[in-house]
Amino acid sequence: MTPPPNFLRDIALYYTSRRDVQPKFDTLAFVLPNKRSAMFLKKHVRDCLKEPTMMPRFMTMRTFISLNSPYPEANEREQLFILYDAYLEALHAKGFQRELERRKLATAGSQTRAAVRRFKELSPLDISGDTHYVFIGFNDLNTAETLIFDRLKDLGIASFFWDTAPLELAGYLSGSPGARPLRRLAELARHFPMPQDFVIRQRS
């Protein structure tokens, strides 16, 4: 799901108006649910800037995971060939993983597990200050993503932004199936709070 344009514009204004405040503007790495939302946020940031400046990075969650995994993701064709080779050699499931590692490749799942391990092992002494992650517009998180968010929050190198405008509907939908994702969003917004000085403007 792509976060609403007004919400993304609010975040662009928030960061471009406080470029002299820590974390430094050019250390920001904006992580969004999909390429479309990353593209919109990048446009809003550019529109807000009044002078040439070093831009932050913009990426999807999938790219974020890939960057924090030791091996690139094998494409579908490569995975099929490796799986077929493992089958011909009568290898069990671990044979497939070993062959991927031998070729220095990974599946999306193994990349995610590697990223979780990497951040779990990260200590405050490893923090250089050259990157501050900003996670924007996620509606739900899987277990691995929650573990990563938790660790980055504990290390103080991440900020979180949730489009909480729909939460006002939660009271009206409390007894309906549609209330469940809203309750999950409210839970995430409480556990990973947004910066105290960020205000979501009324949607027009």
C-alpha atoms as a PDB file:
ATOM      1  CA  MET A   1       0.000   0.000   0.000  1.00  0.00           C
ATOM      2  CA  THR A   2       1.252   3.489  -0.885  1.00  0.00           C
ATOM      3  CA  PRO A   3       0.973   6.073   1.927  1.00  0.00           C
ATOM      4  CA  PRO A   4      -1.221   9.105   1.092  1.00  0.00           C
ATOM      5  CA  PRO A   5       0.590  11.974  -0.701  1.00  0.00           C
ATOM      6  CA  ASN A   6      -0.284  14.489   2.050  1.00  0.00           C
ATOM      7  CA  PHE A   7       1.300  12.253   4.675  1.00  0.00           C
ATOM      8  CA  LEU A   8       4.481  11.936   2.606  1.00  0.00           C
ATOM      9  CA  ARG A   9       4.513  15.710   2.032  1.00  0.00           C
ATOM     10  CA  ASP A  10       4.282  16.263   5.792  1.00  0.00           C
ATOM     11  CA  ILE A  11       7.353  14.078   6.320  1.00  0.00           C
ATOM     12  CA  ALA A  12       9.249  15.851   3.525  1.00  0.00           C
ATOM     13  CA  LEU A  13       8.479  19.230   5.139  1.00  0.00           C
ATOM     14  CA  TYR A  14       9.437  17.910   8.568  1.00  0.00           C
ATOM     15  CA  TYR A  15      12.924  16.826   7.505  1.00  0.00           C
ATOM     16  CA  THR A  16      13.742  19.598   5.009  1.00  0.00           C
ATOM     17  CA  SER A  17      12.830  22.260   7.582  1.00  0.00           C
ATOM     18  CA  ARG A  18      15.207  20.848  10.209  1.00  0.00           C
ATOM     19  CA  ARG A  19      18.315  20.045   8.212  1.00  0.00           C
ATOM     20  CA  ASP A  20      20.562  21.608  10.854  1.00  0.00           C
ATOM     21  CA  VAL A  21      19.206  19.258  13.514  1.00  0.00           C
ATOM     22  CA  GLN A  22      20.514  15.756  14.217  1.00  0.00           C
ATOM     23  CA  PRO A  23      20.405  13.343  12.515  1.00  0.00           C
ATOM     24  CA  LYS A  24      22.049  15.112   9.589  1.00  0.00           C
ATOM     25  CA  PHE A  25      19.952  15.328   6.443  1.00  0.00           C
ATOM     26  CA  ASP A  26      22.415  13.490   4.203  1.00  0.00           C
ATOM     27  CA  THR A  27      22.651  10.555   6.638  1.00  0.00           C
ATOM     28  CA  LEU A  28      18.938   9.760   6.331  1.00  0.00           C
ATOM     29  CA  ALA A  29      17.857   6.575   4.607  1.00  0.00           C
ATOM     30  CA  PHE A  30      14.102   6.607   3.986  1.00  0.00           C
ATOM     31  CA  VAL A  31      12.618   3.100   3.887  1.00  0.00           C
ATOM     32  CA  LEU A  32       9.120   2.753   2.429  1.00  0.00           C
ATOM     33  CA  PRO A  33       6.763  -0.117   1.565  1.00  0.00           C
ATOM     34  CA  ASN A  34       7.187   0.128  -2.215  1.00  0.00           C
ATOM     35  CA  LYS A  35       8.910   1.943  -5.086  1.00  0.00           C
ATOM     36  CA  ARG A  36       5.889   4.130  -5.778  1.00  0.00           C
ATOM     37  CA  SER A  37       5.841   5.638  -2.285  1.00  0.00           C
ATOM     38  CA  ALA A  38       9.638   6.091  -2.360  1.00  0.00           C
ATOM     39  CA  MET A  39       9.314   7.947  -5.659  1.00  0.00           C
ATOM     40  CA  PHE A  40       6.583  10.245  -4.283  1.00  0.00           C
ATOM     41  CA  LEU A  41       8.538  11.038  -1.126  1.00  0.00           C
ATOM     42  CA  LYS A  42      11.671  11.813  -3.150  1.00  0.00           C
ATOM     43  CA  LYS A  43       9.657  14.226  -5.307  1.00  0.00           C
ATOM     44  CA  HIS A  44       8.192  15.950  -2.241  1.00  0.00           C
ATOM     45  CA  VAL A  45      11.648  16.306  -0.673  1.00  0.00           C
ATOM     46  CA  ARG A  46      13.026  17.851  -3.870  1.00  0.00           C
ATOM     47  CA  ASP A  47      10.062  20.245  -4.071  1.00  0.00           C
ATOM     48  CA  CYS A  48      10.658  21.375  -0.480  1.00  0.00           C
ATOM     49  CA  LEU A  49      14.353  22.124  -0.926  1.00  0.00           C
ATOM     50  CA  LYS A  50      15.163  25.728  -1.728  1.00  0.00           C
ATOM     51  CA  GLU A  51      18.838  25.203  -2.536  1.00  0.00           C
ATOM     52  CA  PRO A  52      21.117  22.437  -3.836  1.00  0.00           C
ATOM     53  CA  THR A  53      21.984  19.945  -1.119  1.00  0.00           C
ATOM     54  CA  MET A  54      23.097  16.377  -0.623  1.00  0.00           C
ATOM     55  CA  MET A  55      20.014  14.198  -0.862  1.00  0.00           C
ATOM     56  CA  PRO A  56      19.199  11.379   1.551  1.00  0.00           C
ATOM     57  CA  ARG A  57      18.680   7.836   0.273  1.00  0.00           C
ATOM     58  CA  PHE A  58      15.288   6.375  -0.634  1.00  0.00           C
ATOM     59  CA  MET A  59      14.628   2.626  -0.741  1.00  0.00           C
ATOM     60  CA  THR A  60      12.026  -0.071  -0.343  1.00  0.00           C
ATOM     61  CA  MET A  61      11.943  -2.523   2.556  1.00  0.00           C
ATOM     62  CA  ARG A  62      13.062  -5.251   0.145  1.00  0.00           C
ATOM     63  CA  THR A  63      16.151  -3.207  -0.818  1.00  0.00           C
ATOM     64  CA  PHE A  64      16.857  -2.430   2.856  1.00  0.00           C
ATOM     65  CA  ILE A  65      16.838  -6.152   3.673  1.00  0.00           C
ATOM     66  CA  SER A  66      19.022  -6.957   0.655  1.00  0.00           C
ATOM     67  CA  LEU A  67      21.608  -4.327   1.610  1.00  0.00           C
ATOM     68  CA  ASN A  68      21.899  -5.880   5.053  1.00  0.00           C
ATOM     69  CA  SER A  69      22.356  -9.441   3.825  1.00  0.00           C
ATOM     70  CA  PRO A  70      25.763 -10.881   2.819  1.00  0.00           C
ATOM     71  CA  TYR A  71      24.497 -12.319  -0.494  1.00  0.00           C
ATOM     72  CA  PRO A  72      22.252 -10.958  -3.260  1.00  0.00           C
ATOM     73  CA  GLU A  73      18.913 -12.628  -3.891  1.00  0.00           C
ATOM     74  CA  ALA A  74      18.966 -15.366  -6.527  1.00  0.00           C
ATOM     75  CA  ASN A  75      16.383 -14.725  -9.205  1.00  0.00           C
ATOM     76  CA  GLU A  76      13.551 -17.203  -9.715  1.00  0.00           C
ATOM     77  CA  ARG A  77      15.288 -18.948 -12.618  1.00  0.00           C
ATOM     78  CA  GLU A  78      18.520 -19.426 -10.644  1.00  0.00           C
ATOM     79  CA  GLN A  79      16.606 -20.821  -7.688  1.00  0.00           C
ATOM     80  CA  LEU A  80      14.777 -23.316  -9.902  1.00  0.00           C
ATOM     81  CA  PHE A  81      18.052 -24.589 -11.413  1.00  0.00           C
ATOM     82  CA  ILE A  82      19.685 -24.908  -7.993  1.00  0.00           C
ATOM     83  CA  LEU A  83      16.653 -26.711  -6.600  1.00  0.00           C
ATOM     84  CA  TYR A  84      16.630 -29.060  -9.587  1.00  0.00           C
ATOM     85  CA  ASP A  85      20.348 -29.815  -9.154  1.00  0.00           C
ATOM     86  CA  ALA A  86      19.743 -30.541  -5.473  1.00  0.00           C
ATOM     87  CA  TYR A  87      16.911 -32.889  -6.427  1.00  0.00           C
ATOM     88  CA  LEU A  88      19.056 -34.741  -8.968  1.00  0.00           C
ATOM     89  CA  GLU A  89      21.764 -35.246  -6.373  1.00  0.00           C
ATOM     90  CA  ALA A  90      19.127 -36.512  -3.918  1.00  0.00           C
ATOM     91  CA  LEU A  91      20.046 -33.803  -1.458  1.00  0.00           C
ATOM     92  CA  HIS A  92      17.626 -32.882   1.329  1.00  0.00           C
ATOM     93  CA  ALA A  93      16.325 -29.302   1.833  1.00  0.00           C
ATOM     94  CA  LYS A  94      19.594 -28.128   3.465  1.00  0.00           C
ATOM     95  CA  GLY A  95      21.414 -29.057   0.247  1.00  0.00           C
ATOM     96  CA  PHE A  96      19.532 -26.297  -1.550  1.00  0.00           C
ATOM     97  CA  GLN A  97      20.636 -23.740   1.030  1.00  0.00           C
ATOM     98  CA  ARG A  98      24.250 -24.982   0.943  1.00  0.00           C
ATOM     99  CA  GLU A  99      24.313 -24.682  -2.846  1.00  0.00           C
ATOM    100  CA  LEU A 100      22.955 -21.133  -2.656  1.00  0.00           C
ATOM    101  CA  GLU A 101      25.683 -20.230  -0.170  1.00  0.00           C
ATOM    102  CA  ARG A 102      28.337 -21.877  -2.355  1.00  0.00           C
ATOM    103  CA  ARG A 103      27.228 -19.645  -5.212  1.00  0.00           C
ATOM    104  CA  LYS A 104      27.035 -16.645  -2.831  1.00  0.00           C
ATOM    105  CA  LEU A 105      23.309 -16.212  -3.425  1.00  0.00           C
ATOM    106  CA  ALA A 106      20.277 -16.137  -1.161  1.00  0.00           C
ATOM    107  CA  THR A 107      16.504 -16.383  -1.158  1.00  0.00           C
ATOM    108  CA  ALA A 108      14.375 -13.495   0.114  1.00  0.00           C
ATOM    109  CA  GLY A 109      13.759 -15.479   3.297  1.00  0.00           C
ATOM    110  CA  SER A 110      17.422 -16.196   3.996  1.00  0.00           C
ATOM    111  CA  GLN A 111      18.277 -12.548   3.296  1.00  0.00           C
ATOM    112  CA  THR A 112      15.725 -11.502   5.907  1.00  0.00           C
ATOM    113  CA  ARG A 113      17.094 -13.958   8.479  1.00  0.00           C
ATOM    114  CA  ALA A 114      20.639 -12.707   7.784  1.00  0.00           C
ATOM    115  CA  ALA A 115      19.518  -9.097   8.266  1.00  0.00           C
ATOM    116  CA  VAL A 116      17.890  -9.990  11.599  1.00  0.00           C
ATOM    117  CA  ARG A 117      21.126 -11.663  12.743  1.00  0.00           C
ATOM    118  CA  ARG A 118      23.210  -8.696  11.609  1.00  0.00           C
ATOM    119  CA  PHE A 119      21.175  -6.162  13.550  1.00  0.00           C
ATOM    120  CA  LYS A 120      20.879  -8.425  16.579  1.00  0.00           C
ATOM    121  CA  GLU A 121      24.686  -8.601  16.779  1.00  0.00           C
ATOM    122  CA  LEU A 122      25.110  -4.863  16.256  1.00  0.00           C
ATOM    123  CA  SER A 123      26.304  -3.045  19.367  1.00  0.00           C
ATOM    124  CA  PRO A 124      26.309   0.684  20.186  1.00  0.00           C
ATOM    125  CA  LEU A 125      30.074   0.662  19.563  1.00  0.00           C
ATOM    126  CA  ASP A 126      29.415  -0.362  15.945  1.00  0.00           C
ATOM    127  CA  ILE A 127      27.299   2.733  15.282  1.00  0.00           C
ATOM    128  CA  SER A 128      29.195   5.254  13.169  1.00  0.00           C
ATOM    129  CA  GLY A 129      26.441   7.833  12.821  1.00  0.00           C
ATOM    130  CA  ASP A 130      26.622   7.886   9.033  1.00  0.00           C
ATOM    131  CA  THR A 131      23.133   6.404   8.557  1.00  0.00           C
ATOM    132  CA  HIS A 132      19.817   7.058  10.271  1.00  0.00           C
ATOM    133  CA  TYR A 133      16.922   4.936   9.004  1.00  0.00           C
ATOM    134  CA  VAL A 134      13.456   6.443   8.618  1.00  0.00           C
ATOM    135  CA  PHE A 135      10.669   3.887   8.193  1.00  0.00           C
ATOM    136  CA  ILE A 136       7.513   5.346   6.710  1.00  0.00           C
ATOM    137  CA  GLY A 137       3.959   4.253   6.051  1.00  0.00           C
ATOM    138  CA  PHE A 138       3.987   0.584   6.980  1.00  0.00           C
ATOM    139  CA  ASN A 139       0.584  -0.886   7.913  1.00  0.00           C
ATOM    140  CA  ASP A 140       1.851  -4.160   9.343  1.00  0.00           C
ATOM    141  CA  LEU A 141       5.136  -5.915  10.119  1.00  0.00           C
ATOM    142  CA  ASN A 142       6.103  -9.559  10.066  1.00  0.00           C
ATOM    143  CA  THR A 143       8.090 -11.085  12.929  1.00  0.00           C
ATOM    144  CA  ALA A 144      11.493 -10.473  11.319  1.00  0.00           C
ATOM    145  CA  GLU A 145      10.671  -6.838  10.501  1.00  0.00           C
ATOM    146  CA  THR A 146       9.444  -6.292  14.065  1.00  0.00           C
ATOM    147  CA  LEU A 147      12.727  -7.675  15.456  1.00  0.00           C
ATOM    148  CA  ILE A 148      14.720  -5.372  13.163  1.00  0.00           C
ATOM    149  CA  PHE A 149      12.635  -2.323  14.104  1.00  0.00           C
ATOM    150  CA  ASP A 150      13.021  -3.158  17.798  1.00  0.00           C
ATOM    151  CA  ARG A 151      16.814  -3.420  17.564  1.00  0.00           C
ATOM    152  CA  LEU A 152      17.200  -0.221  15.536  1.00  0.00           C
ATOM    153  CA  LYS A 153      14.959   1.613  18.000  1.00  0.00           C
ATOM    154  CA  ASP A 154      17.067   0.360  20.928  1.00  0.00           C
ATOM    155  CA  LEU A 155      20.231   1.525  19.145  1.00  0.00           C
ATOM    156  CA  GLY A 156      18.711   4.955  18.478  1.00  0.00           C
ATOM    157  CA  ILE A 157      19.394   4.856  14.741  1.00  0.00           C
ATOM    158  CA  ALA A 158      15.847   4.781  13.387  1.00  0.00           C
ATOM    159  CA  SER A 159      12.711   6.911  13.330  1.00  0.00           C
ATOM    160  CA  PHE A 160       9.214   5.706  12.520  1.00  0.00           C
ATOM    161  CA  PHE A 161       6.238   7.354  10.845  1.00  0.00           C
ATOM    162  CA  TRP A 162       2.741   5.859  10.692  1.00  0.00           C
ATOM    163  CA  ASP A 163      -0.233   7.209   8.784  1.00  0.00           C
ATOM    164  CA  THR A 164      -2.509   7.192  11.816  1.00  0.00           C
ATOM    165  CA  ALA A 165      -5.277   9.241  10.219  1.00  0.00           C
ATOM    166  CA  PRO A 166      -7.464   6.120   9.669  1.00  0.00           C
ATOM    167  CA  LEU A 167      -7.262   5.226  13.368  1.00  0.00           C
ATOM    168  CA  GLU A 168     -10.146   7.570  14.153  1.00  0.00           C
ATOM    169  CA  LEU A 169     -12.308   4.991  12.365  1.00  0.00           C
ATOM    170  CA  ALA A 170     -11.297   2.265  14.781  1.00  0.00           C
ATOM    171  CA  GLY A 171     -14.061   3.178  17.222  1.00  0.00           C
ATOM    172  CA  TYR A 172     -16.704   2.860  14.520  1.00  0.00           C
ATOM    173  CA  LEU A 173     -15.305  -0.448  13.264  1.00  0.00           C
ATOM    174  CA  SER A 174     -14.476  -2.052  16.603  1.00  0.00           C
ATOM    175  CA  GLY A 175     -16.793  -4.985  16.038  1.00  0.00           C
ATOM    176  CA  SER A 176     -16.029  -5.557  12.370  1.00  0.00           C
ATOM    177  CA  PRO A 177     -13.299  -7.541  10.570  1.00  0.00           C
ATOM    178  CA  GLY A 178     -12.005  -4.246   9.174  1.00  0.00           C
ATOM    179  CA  ALA A 179     -10.975  -3.141  12.652  1.00  0.00           C
ATOM    180  CA  ARG A 180      -8.154  -5.677  12.958  1.00  0.00           C
ATOM    181  CA  PRO A 181      -5.611  -3.916  10.681  1.00  0.00           C
ATOM    182  CA  LEU A 182      -6.429  -0.612  12.379  1.00  0.00           C
ATOM    183  CA  ARG A 183      -5.786  -2.149  15.799  1.00  0.00           C
ATOM    184  CA  ARG A 184      -2.479  -3.515  14.498  1.00  0.00           C
ATOM    185  CA  LEU A 185      -1.535  -0.069  13.165  1.00  0.00           C
ATOM    186  CA  ALA A 186      -2.394   1.513  16.528  1.00  0.00           C
ATOM    187  CA  GLU A 187      -0.258  -1.097  18.296  1.00  0.00           C
ATOM    188  CA  LEU A 188       2.723  -0.407  16.024  1.00  0.00           C
ATOM    189  CA  ALA A 189       2.349   3.358  16.419  1.00  0.00           C
ATOM    190  CA  ARG A 190       2.450   2.946  20.215  1.00  0.00           C
ATOM    191  CA  HIS A 191       5.406   0.564  20.224  1.00  0.00           C
ATOM    192  CA  PHE A 192       7.422   2.540  17.662  1.00  0.00           C
ATOM    193  CA  PRO A 193       6.357   6.138  18.345  1.00  0.00           C
ATOM    194  CA  MET A 194       6.811   8.931  15.856  1.00  0.00           C
ATOM    195  CA  PRO A 195       9.018  11.941  16.743  1.00  0.00           C
ATOM    196  CA  GLN A 196       7.211  14.035  19.353  1.00  0.00           C
ATOM    197  CA  ASP A 197       7.494  17.220  17.310  1.00  0.00           C
ATOM    198  CA  PHE A 198       5.934  15.691  14.180  1.00  0.00           C
ATOM    199  CA  VAL A 199       2.306  16.618  13.625  1.00  0.00           C
ATOM    200  CA  ILE A 200       0.072  14.984  11.025  1.00  0.00           C
ATOM    201  CA  ARG A 201      -1.989  17.723   9.433  1.00  0.00           C
ATOM    202  CA  GLN A 202      -5.691  17.284   8.758  1.00  0.00           C
ATOM    203  CA  ARG A 203      -6.366  15.513   5.477  1.00  0.00           C
ATOM    204  CA  SER A 204      -8.315  17.564   2.968  1.00  0.00           C
END
